């Protein structure tokens, strides 16, 4: 985990499914690639938008953080 690149919130925001082909989200300081997930088409998953830190929003989800374990980690949020 220490060898991962770091990205700012501004860099993460560009990976929102609209501006670049990558669709990323952050959770607890770790950035995940959700580009291949059918649940994140066009950068939206229900009322949640990609390109941002969703740590505070996971409490509203019907699932826990275990759903992130199969996603590719691309970096750390700076």
C-alpha atoms as a PDB file:
ATOM      1  CA  UNK A   1       0.000   0.000   0.000  1.00  0.00           C
ATOM      2  CA  UNK A   2       2.926   2.360   0.658  1.00  0.00           C
ATOM      3  CA  UNK A   3       4.098   2.045  -2.950  1.00  0.00           C
ATOM      4  CA  UNK A   4       0.846   3.360  -4.405  1.00  0.00           C
ATOM      5  CA  UNK A   5       0.785   6.752  -6.130  1.00  0.00           C
ATOM      6  CA  UNK A   6      -1.034   9.575  -4.382  1.00  0.00           C
ATOM      7  CA  UNK A   7      -3.732  11.712  -5.977  1.00  0.00           C
ATOM      8  CA  UNK A   8      -5.360  14.945  -4.876  1.00  0.00           C
ATOM      9  CA  UNK A   9      -9.110  15.435  -4.612  1.00  0.00           C
ATOM     10  CA  UNK A  10      -8.917  17.479  -7.823  1.00  0.00           C
ATOM     11  CA  UNK A  11      -7.242  14.601  -9.665  1.00  0.00           C
ATOM     12  CA  UNK A  12      -9.804  12.162  -8.287  1.00  0.00           C
ATOM     13  CA  UNK A  13     -12.623  14.457  -9.414  1.00  0.00           C
ATOM     14  CA  UNK A  14     -11.492  14.096 -13.039  1.00  0.00           C
ATOM     15  CA  UNK A  15     -12.153  10.342 -12.856  1.00  0.00           C
ATOM     16  CA  UNK A  16     -15.896  10.854 -12.568  1.00  0.00           C
ATOM     17  CA  UNK A  17     -17.026   8.888 -15.617  1.00  0.00           C
ATOM     18  CA  UNK A  18     -17.476  12.049 -17.671  1.00  0.00           C
ATOM     19  CA  UNK A  19     -14.086  13.744 -18.100  1.00  0.00           C
ATOM     20  CA  UNK A  20     -11.791  10.724 -18.501  1.00  0.00           C
ATOM     21  CA  UNK A  21     -12.388   7.044 -19.258  1.00  0.00           C
ATOM     22  CA  UNK A  22     -11.438   6.012 -15.712  1.00  0.00           C
ATOM     23  CA  UNK A  23     -14.137   5.900 -13.043  1.00  0.00           C
ATOM     24  CA  UNK A  24     -12.657   6.103  -9.552  1.00  0.00           C
ATOM     25  CA  UNK A  25     -13.969   6.445  -6.025  1.00  0.00           C
ATOM     26  CA  UNK A  26     -12.157   6.872  -2.718  1.00  0.00           C
ATOM     27  CA  UNK A  27     -12.894   5.253   0.620  1.00  0.00           C
ATOM     28  CA  UNK A  28     -10.872   5.767   3.802  1.00  0.00           C
ATOM     29  CA  UNK A  29      -7.986   7.297   1.864  1.00  0.00           C
ATOM     30  CA  UNK A  30      -7.741   4.522  -0.738  1.00  0.00           C
ATOM     31  CA  UNK A  31      -8.737   5.101  -4.370  1.00  0.00           C
ATOM     32  CA  UNK A  32     -10.544   2.294  -6.197  1.00  0.00           C
ATOM     33  CA  UNK A  33     -11.177   1.829  -9.920  1.00  0.00           C
ATOM     34  CA  UNK A  34     -14.865   1.076 -10.535  1.00  0.00           C
ATOM     35  CA  UNK A  35     -14.648   1.473 -14.322  1.00  0.00           C
ATOM     36  CA  UNK A  36     -15.520  -2.168 -15.018  1.00  0.00           C
ATOM     37  CA  UNK A  37     -18.475  -2.281 -12.651  1.00  0.00           C
ATOM     38  CA  UNK A  38     -21.866  -2.241 -14.353  1.00  0.00           C
ATOM     39  CA  UNK A  39     -23.148  -0.544 -11.200  1.00  0.00           C
ATOM     40  CA  UNK A  40     -21.081   2.586 -11.915  1.00  0.00           C
ATOM     41  CA  UNK A  41     -22.124   3.281 -15.518  1.00  0.00           C
ATOM     42  CA  UNK A  42     -21.605   6.934 -16.452  1.00  0.00           C
ATOM     43  CA  UNK A  43     -20.005   7.550 -13.053  1.00  0.00           C
ATOM     44  CA  UNK A  44     -23.187   7.201 -11.015  1.00  0.00           C
ATOM     45  CA  UNK A  45     -24.265   4.500  -8.573  1.00  0.00           C
ATOM     46  CA  UNK A  46     -27.778   5.221  -7.323  1.00  0.00           C
ATOM     47  CA  UNK A  47     -27.429   8.714  -5.765  1.00  0.00           C
ATOM     48  CA  UNK A  48     -23.626   8.531  -5.438  1.00  0.00           C
ATOM     49  CA  UNK A  49     -21.222  10.053  -7.951  1.00  0.00           C
ATOM     50  CA  UNK A  50     -17.748   8.828  -8.845  1.00  0.00           C
ATOM     51  CA  UNK A  51     -14.723  11.075  -8.651  1.00  0.00           C
ATOM     52  CA  UNK A  52     -15.064  11.747  -4.943  1.00  0.00           C
ATOM     53  CA  UNK A  53     -14.421  10.397  -1.473  1.00  0.00           C
ATOM     54  CA  UNK A  54     -17.421   8.283  -0.479  1.00  0.00           C
ATOM     55  CA  UNK A  55     -16.262   7.440   3.065  1.00  0.00           C
ATOM     56  CA  UNK A  56     -19.046   9.409   4.746  1.00  0.00           C
ATOM     57  CA  UNK A  57     -21.680   8.099   2.331  1.00  0.00           C
ATOM     58  CA  UNK A  58     -21.098   4.376   2.856  1.00  0.00           C
ATOM     59  CA  UNK A  59     -23.174   4.472   6.016  1.00  0.00           C
ATOM     60  CA  UNK A  60     -26.266   5.030   3.852  1.00  0.00           C
ATOM     61  CA  UNK A  61     -25.527   2.008   1.655  1.00  0.00           C
ATOM     62  CA  UNK A  62     -27.286  -1.343   2.076  1.00  0.00           C
ATOM     63  CA  UNK A  63     -23.860  -3.012   2.147  1.00  0.00           C
ATOM     64  CA  UNK A  64     -20.595  -2.694   4.046  1.00  0.00           C
ATOM     65  CA  UNK A  65     -17.063  -1.971   2.851  1.00  0.00           C
ATOM     66  CA  UNK A  66     -16.555  -5.626   1.874  1.00  0.00           C
ATOM     67  CA  UNK A  67     -17.904  -4.701  -1.586  1.00  0.00           C
ATOM     68  CA  UNK A  68     -14.622  -2.897  -2.243  1.00  0.00           C
ATOM     69  CA  UNK A  69     -12.412  -5.968  -1.797  1.00  0.00           C
ATOM     70  CA  UNK A  70     -12.752  -7.083  -5.438  1.00  0.00           C
ATOM     71  CA  UNK A  71     -11.977  -3.676  -6.904  1.00  0.00           C
ATOM     72  CA  UNK A  72      -8.575  -2.610  -8.206  1.00  0.00           C
ATOM     73  CA  UNK A  73      -6.729  -0.186  -5.931  1.00  0.00           C
ATOM     74  CA  UNK A  74      -5.104   2.583  -7.974  1.00  0.00           C
ATOM     75  CA  UNK A  75      -3.722   4.909  -5.353  1.00  0.00           C
ATOM     76  CA  UNK A  76      -4.085   6.861  -2.152  1.00  0.00           C
ATOM     77  CA  UNK A  77      -5.958  10.102  -1.614  1.00  0.00           C
ATOM     78  CA  UNK A  78      -3.661  12.961  -0.624  1.00  0.00           C
END
